[in-house]
Amino acid sequence: MRSVPELVAMKARGEKIAMLTAYDAPSARIAQAAGVDLLLVGDSLGMVVLGYPTTLSVTLEEMLHHTRAVRRGAPDVFTVMDLPFGWAHRPWSEVLAASVRAIQEGGAHAVKLEGGEEIAETVARLTAAGIPVMGHLGLRPQQVYRLGGYRMQGREEREAEELLRAARALEDAGAFALVLELVPEALARRISQALRIPTIGIGAGRAVDGQVLVWHDLLGIGERRPRFARAYLDLEREIRAAVAAYVADVRSGAFPDREHVPLPEDG
């Protein structure tokens, strides 16, 4: 299993970090067997698993539920749990309690918080309490209403400087890694070169220290997929064909056939 010091050392050695989201035990088991470095139980589960229009409806209890499942499936992979919308800005005692639950009840090894300088103190206090924190800058899905949609961030120099300053503040506060979502490749390079901690890109180009993809985007499941997300399979088409074949066989009586009728000795 990777550790916080090892992840930082991977950046220093120039080794790329492969991170993937997971939301249940079977996908986590497959990801572990494939050799991923990190798993993220992202609040993206609200959209890709639970059918919410945004991530904003995801609750802490839902995050804990899915994190427990992921940890059962991948006991040997360092796993990060998102704190859902609003939690990073609650009173300190509540943020700490939620983060402790992520570790104790969810089995996570770290939490991820969206935000910049405004959450730096919270990151510092969590780190001091022994809870590793991953930051998240650029497009912040929990800010989708304020941003007016899922748009690239940091295009203007003023915005780029703000993101660079925020990244440094999170590193200084003790964050062990930073997700950069939907920012220009040149800005991602600037931030990555300015930090000692690894940057994990999603729609941030090639100059980051690692990449993260949403499980369903990687497998080609879902009606909408961001342009920057590569589908390694068209699994939705294959699943739909398999289900259609099953329906046809049931209706025709072809399933179950003699091979699939249980025998008395089957118990």
Protein backbone atom coordinates (compact mmCIF):
# COMPACT_ATOMS: atom_id res chain seq x y z
CA MET A 1 0.00 0.00 0.00
CA ARG A 2 1.21 3.49 -0.82
CA SER A 3 1.76 5.93 2.03
CA VAL A 4 1.82 9.72 2.28
CA PRO A 5 5.65 9.86 2.38
CA GLU A 6 5.90 7.43 -0.53
CA LEU A 7 3.50 9.47 -2.67
CA VAL A 8 5.59 12.59 -2.07
CA ALA A 9 8.72 10.58 -2.88
CA MET A 10 7.15 9.38 -6.14
CA LYS A 11 6.89 13.01 -7.27
CA ALA A 12 10.53 13.62 -6.34
CA ARG A 13 11.54 10.58 -8.42
CA GLY A 14 9.39 11.65 -11.35
CA GLU A 15 7.11 8.59 -11.08
CA LYS A 16 3.55 9.15 -12.25
CA ILE A 17 0.70 8.37 -9.84
CA ALA A 18 -2.37 6.47 -11.08
CA MET A 19 -5.52 7.34 -9.16
CA LEU A 20 -9.03 6.11 -9.88
CA THR A 21 -12.44 6.64 -8.34
CA ALA A 22 -14.32 3.68 -6.91
CA TYR A 23 -17.73 3.46 -5.28
CA ASP A 24 -18.28 -0.21 -4.45
CA ALA A 25 -16.42 -3.38 -3.51
CA PRO A 26 -16.31 -5.07 -6.95
CA SER A 27 -14.84 -2.05 -8.75
CA ALA A 28 -12.37 -1.49 -5.91
CA ARG A 29 -11.29 -5.14 -6.05
CA ILE A 30 -10.65 -4.87 -9.79
CA ALA A 31 -8.77 -1.59 -9.38
CA GLN A 32 -6.55 -3.07 -6.70
CA ALA A 33 -5.77 -6.10 -8.85
CA ALA A 34 -4.86 -3.78 -11.74
CA GLY A 35 -2.31 -1.97 -9.60
CA VAL A 36 -3.70 1.53 -9.02
CA ASP A 37 -1.76 3.68 -6.56
CA LEU A 38 -4.73 5.50 -5.02
CA LEU A 39 -8.49 5.15 -4.85
CA LEU A 40 -10.81 8.11 -4.42
CA VAL A 41 -14.33 7.67 -3.12
CA GLY A 42 -15.47 10.90 -4.71
CA ASP A 43 -18.73 12.69 -4.18
CA SER A 44 -19.04 12.22 -7.95
CA LEU A 45 -20.85 9.07 -6.83
CA GLY A 46 -23.91 11.29 -6.50
CA MET A 47 -24.03 11.75 -10.26
CA VAL A 48 -22.62 8.49 -11.64
CA VAL A 49 -24.11 6.06 -9.10
CA LEU A 50 -27.04 7.71 -7.32
CA GLY A 51 -28.47 9.70 -10.23
CA TYR A 52 -28.31 13.18 -8.69
CA PRO A 53 -27.95 16.11 -11.13
CA THR A 54 -24.91 17.45 -9.22
CA THR A 55 -22.69 16.36 -6.35
CA LEU A 56 -24.38 18.78 -3.95
CA SER A 57 -27.02 16.35 -2.65
CA VAL A 58 -24.51 13.75 -1.47
CA THR A 59 -24.57 13.27 2.30
CA LEU A 60 -21.84 12.29 4.72
CA GLU A 61 -23.68 9.05 5.45
CA GLU A 62 -23.69 8.15 1.76
CA MET A 63 -19.98 8.86 1.53
CA LEU A 64 -19.27 6.64 4.53
CA HIS A 65 -21.46 3.85 3.14
CA HIS A 66 -19.60 3.75 -0.17
CA THR A 67 -16.18 4.17 1.42
CA ARG A 68 -16.76 1.12 3.61
CA ALA A 69 -17.65 -0.89 0.50
CA VAL A 70 -14.53 0.27 -1.33
CA ARG A 71 -12.29 -0.59 1.59
CA ARG A 72 -13.78 -4.09 1.75
CA GLY A 73 -13.00 -4.55 -1.93
CA ALA A 74 -9.51 -3.00 -1.86
CA PRO A 75 -7.98 -3.47 1.58
CA ASP A 76 -4.46 -2.85 0.26
CA VAL A 77 -4.93 0.47 -1.59
CA PHE A 78 -4.56 3.91 0.00
CA THR A 79 -8.09 5.34 -0.16
CA VAL A 80 -9.22 8.96 0.03
CA MET A 81 -12.79 10.00 0.90
CA ASP A 82 -14.38 13.26 -0.21
CA LEU A 83 -15.99 15.39 2.43
CA PRO A 84 -19.27 16.34 0.75
CA PHE A 85 -20.69 19.77 0.05
CA GLY A 86 -20.55 22.21 2.94
CA TRP A 87 -18.56 20.13 5.40
CA ALA A 88 -15.24 21.93 4.90
CA HIS A 89 -16.90 25.16 6.03
CA ARG A 90 -18.73 23.90 9.10
CA PRO A 91 -17.52 24.68 12.63
CA TRP A 92 -14.18 23.07 13.38
CA SER A 93 -15.58 20.51 15.79
CA GLU A 94 -17.97 19.24 13.10
CA VAL A 95 -15.27 19.09 10.41
CA LEU A 96 -13.04 17.14 12.78
CA ALA A 97 -15.86 14.78 13.75
CA ALA A 98 -16.71 14.09 10.09
CA SER A 99 -13.06 13.47 9.23
CA VAL A 100 -12.63 11.13 12.20
CA ARG A 101 -15.69 9.21 11.02
CA ALA A 102 -14.15 8.95 7.55
CA ILE A 103 -11.12 7.23 9.09
CA GLN A 104 -12.75 5.21 11.86
CA GLU A 105 -16.07 4.23 10.26
CA GLY A 106 -15.33 4.53 6.56
CA GLY A 107 -11.87 3.04 6.77
CA ALA A 108 -10.40 5.84 4.64
CA HIS A 109 -6.75 6.77 4.94
CA ALA A 110 -7.31 10.44 4.10
CA VAL A 111 -9.99 12.99 3.29
CA LYS A 112 -10.28 15.36 0.34
CA LEU A 113 -11.54 18.92 0.66
CA GLU A 114 -12.42 21.35 -2.10
CA GLY A 115 -11.15 24.88 -1.52
CA GLY A 116 -8.16 27.19 -1.39
CA GLU A 117 -6.83 29.70 1.11
CA GLU A 118 -10.18 29.88 2.88
CA ILE A 119 -9.78 26.29 4.11
CA ALA A 120 -6.03 26.34 4.75
CA GLU A 121 -6.48 26.64 8.51
CA THR A 122 -8.85 23.68 8.52
CA VAL A 123 -6.32 21.64 6.52
CA ALA A 124 -3.59 22.57 9.00
CA ARG A 125 -5.70 21.58 12.00
CA LEU A 126 -6.75 18.27 10.44
CA THR A 127 -3.14 17.47 9.57
CA ALA A 128 -2.09 18.29 13.13
CA ALA A 129 -4.79 15.90 14.33
CA GLY A 130 -3.20 13.11 12.30
CA ILE A 131 -5.67 13.13 9.39
CA PRO A 132 -4.02 13.34 5.94
CA VAL A 133 -5.72 15.85 3.63
CA MET A 134 -5.81 16.00 -0.16
CA GLY A 135 -6.73 19.38 -1.64
CA HIS A 136 -8.82 20.12 -4.74
CA LEU A 137 -8.46 23.25 -6.88
CA GLY A 138 -9.52 24.43 -10.32
CA LEU A 139 -13.02 23.36 -11.21
CA ARG A 140 -14.66 22.61 -7.89
CA PRO A 141 -17.90 20.69 -8.54
CA GLN A 142 -19.24 21.70 -5.13
CA GLN A 143 -19.10 25.31 -6.41
CA VAL A 144 -20.94 24.56 -9.66
CA TYR A 145 -23.77 27.03 -9.01
CA ARG A 146 -21.36 29.85 -8.22
CA LEU A 147 -19.18 29.05 -11.23
CA GLY A 148 -22.14 28.82 -13.58
CA GLY A 149 -21.38 25.33 -14.80
CA TYR A 150 -18.52 22.92 -15.32
CA ARG A 151 -16.06 25.33 -16.93
CA MET A 152 -12.30 25.54 -17.20
CA GLN A 153 -10.72 27.62 -14.46
CA GLY A 154 -7.56 29.73 -14.42
CA ARG A 155 -7.61 30.97 -17.99
CA GLU A 156 -6.96 34.57 -17.04
CA GLU A 157 -3.65 35.53 -15.41
CA ARG A 158 -5.39 36.89 -12.32
CA GLU A 159 -7.23 33.61 -11.82
CA ALA A 160 -4.04 31.65 -12.49
CA GLU A 161 -2.18 33.61 -9.82
CA GLU A 162 -5.03 33.01 -7.36
CA LEU A 163 -4.88 29.26 -7.98
CA LEU A 164 -1.11 29.21 -7.63
CA ARG A 165 -1.36 31.11 -4.35
CA ALA A 166 -4.09 28.75 -3.13
CA ALA A 167 -1.99 25.71 -4.04
CA ARG A 168 0.95 27.02 -2.05
CA ALA A 169 -1.31 27.79 0.90
CA LEU A 170 -2.66 24.24 0.93
CA GLU A 171 0.83 22.79 0.74
CA ASP A 172 2.00 25.05 3.58
CA ALA A 173 -1.03 23.93 5.60
CA GLY A 174 0.06 20.31 5.30
CA ALA A 175 -1.93 18.89 2.38
CA PHE A 176 -0.10 15.82 1.05
CA ALA A 177 -1.43 16.06 -2.52
CA LEU A 178 -3.58 18.28 -4.70
CA VAL A 179 -6.19 17.50 -7.35
CA LEU A 180 -6.20 19.98 -10.22
CA GLU A 181 -9.42 19.78 -12.20
CA LEU A 182 -10.07 21.40 -15.58
CA VAL A 183 -7.29 23.97 -15.66
CA PRO A 184 -5.02 24.88 -18.60
CA GLU A 185 -2.04 22.58 -19.02
CA ALA A 186 0.39 25.49 -18.73
CA LEU A 187 -1.07 26.49 -15.37
CA ALA A 188 -1.02 22.90 -14.14
CA ARG A 189 2.67 22.80 -15.04
CA ARG A 190 3.36 26.02 -13.11
CA ILE A 191 1.59 24.73 -10.04
CA SER A 192 3.21 21.30 -10.21
CA GLN A 193 6.68 22.80 -10.52
CA ALA A 194 6.03 25.18 -7.62
CA LEU A 195 4.98 22.45 -5.17
CA ARG A 196 6.84 19.70 -3.34
CA ILE A 197 3.63 17.65 -3.01
CA PRO A 198 2.18 15.71 -5.95
CA THR A 199 -0.52 17.13 -8.20
CA ILE A 200 -3.19 14.79 -9.58
CA GLY A 201 -4.83 16.03 -12.76
CA ILE A 202 -8.27 15.51 -14.19
CA GLY A 203 -8.59 17.56 -17.33
CA ALA A 204 -5.33 19.34 -16.47
CA GLY A 205 -3.07 18.01 -19.20
CA ARG A 206 0.20 16.11 -19.09
CA ALA A 207 2.47 18.14 -16.81
CA VAL A 208 0.97 16.99 -13.49
CA ASP A 209 2.38 14.27 -11.25
CA GLY A 210 -0.50 11.85 -11.72
CA GLN A 211 -3.95 11.40 -13.18
CA VAL A 212 -7.38 10.49 -11.88
CA LEU A 213 -10.38 9.25 -13.87
CA VAL A 214 -13.93 8.53 -12.85
CA TRP A 215 -14.55 4.77 -12.96
CA HIS A 216 -17.58 5.09 -15.22
CA ASP A 217 -15.81 7.42 -17.65
CA LEU A 218 -12.88 5.00 -17.95
CA LEU A 219 -15.24 2.12 -18.75
CA GLY A 220 -17.48 4.07 -21.11
CA ILE A 221 -20.58 3.93 -18.93
CA GLY A 222 -22.95 6.89 -18.88
CA GLU A 223 -24.71 9.23 -21.24
CA ARG A 224 -22.26 12.12 -20.89
CA ARG A 225 -18.50 12.00 -20.63
CA PRO A 226 -16.15 15.01 -20.43
CA ARG A 227 -13.97 15.48 -23.50
CA PHE A 228 -10.82 15.12 -21.41
CA ALA A 229 -11.88 11.73 -20.01
CA ARG A 230 -10.65 8.78 -22.06
CA ALA A 231 -12.93 5.75 -22.29
CA TYR A 232 -10.87 2.56 -22.40
CA LEU A 233 -13.99 0.50 -23.14
CA ASP A 234 -17.48 1.00 -24.51
CA LEU A 235 -18.87 -1.10 -21.70
CA GLU A 236 -22.32 0.45 -21.70
CA ARG A 237 -22.94 -0.86 -25.22
CA GLU A 238 -21.76 -4.33 -24.23
CA ILE A 239 -23.89 -4.38 -21.08
CA ARG A 240 -26.95 -3.17 -22.98
CA ALA A 241 -26.46 -5.93 -25.58
CA ALA A 242 -26.09 -8.56 -22.85
CA VAL A 243 -29.25 -7.40 -21.05
CA ALA A 244 -31.19 -7.33 -24.33
CA ALA A 245 -30.05 -10.90 -25.09
CA TYR A 246 -31.15 -12.02 -21.62
CA VAL A 247 -34.59 -10.41 -22.05
CA ALA A 248 -35.01 -12.08 -25.44
CA ASP A 249 -33.99 -15.49 -24.07
CA VAL A 250 -36.41 -15.24 -21.14
CA ARG A 251 -39.28 -14.29 -23.41
CA SER A 252 -38.49 -17.06 -25.89
CA GLY A 253 -37.92 -19.69 -23.20
CA ALA A 254 -34.29 -20.19 -24.22
CA PHE A 255 -33.20 -19.34 -20.68
CA PRO A 256 -32.89 -21.26 -18.51
CA ASP A 257 -31.82 -24.19 -20.65
CA ARG A 258 -30.95 -27.67 -19.36
CA GLU A 259 -27.41 -26.58 -18.47
CA HIS A 260 -28.74 -23.96 -16.06
CA VAL A 261 -31.39 -26.02 -14.28
CA PRO A 262 -30.19 -26.81 -10.73
CA LEU A 263 -29.72 -30.47 -9.81
CA PRO A 264 -30.65 -32.03 -6.45
CA GLU A 265 -27.00 -32.49 -5.58
CA ASP A 266 -26.45 -28.70 -5.93
CA GLY A 267 -28.03 -28.32 -2.50
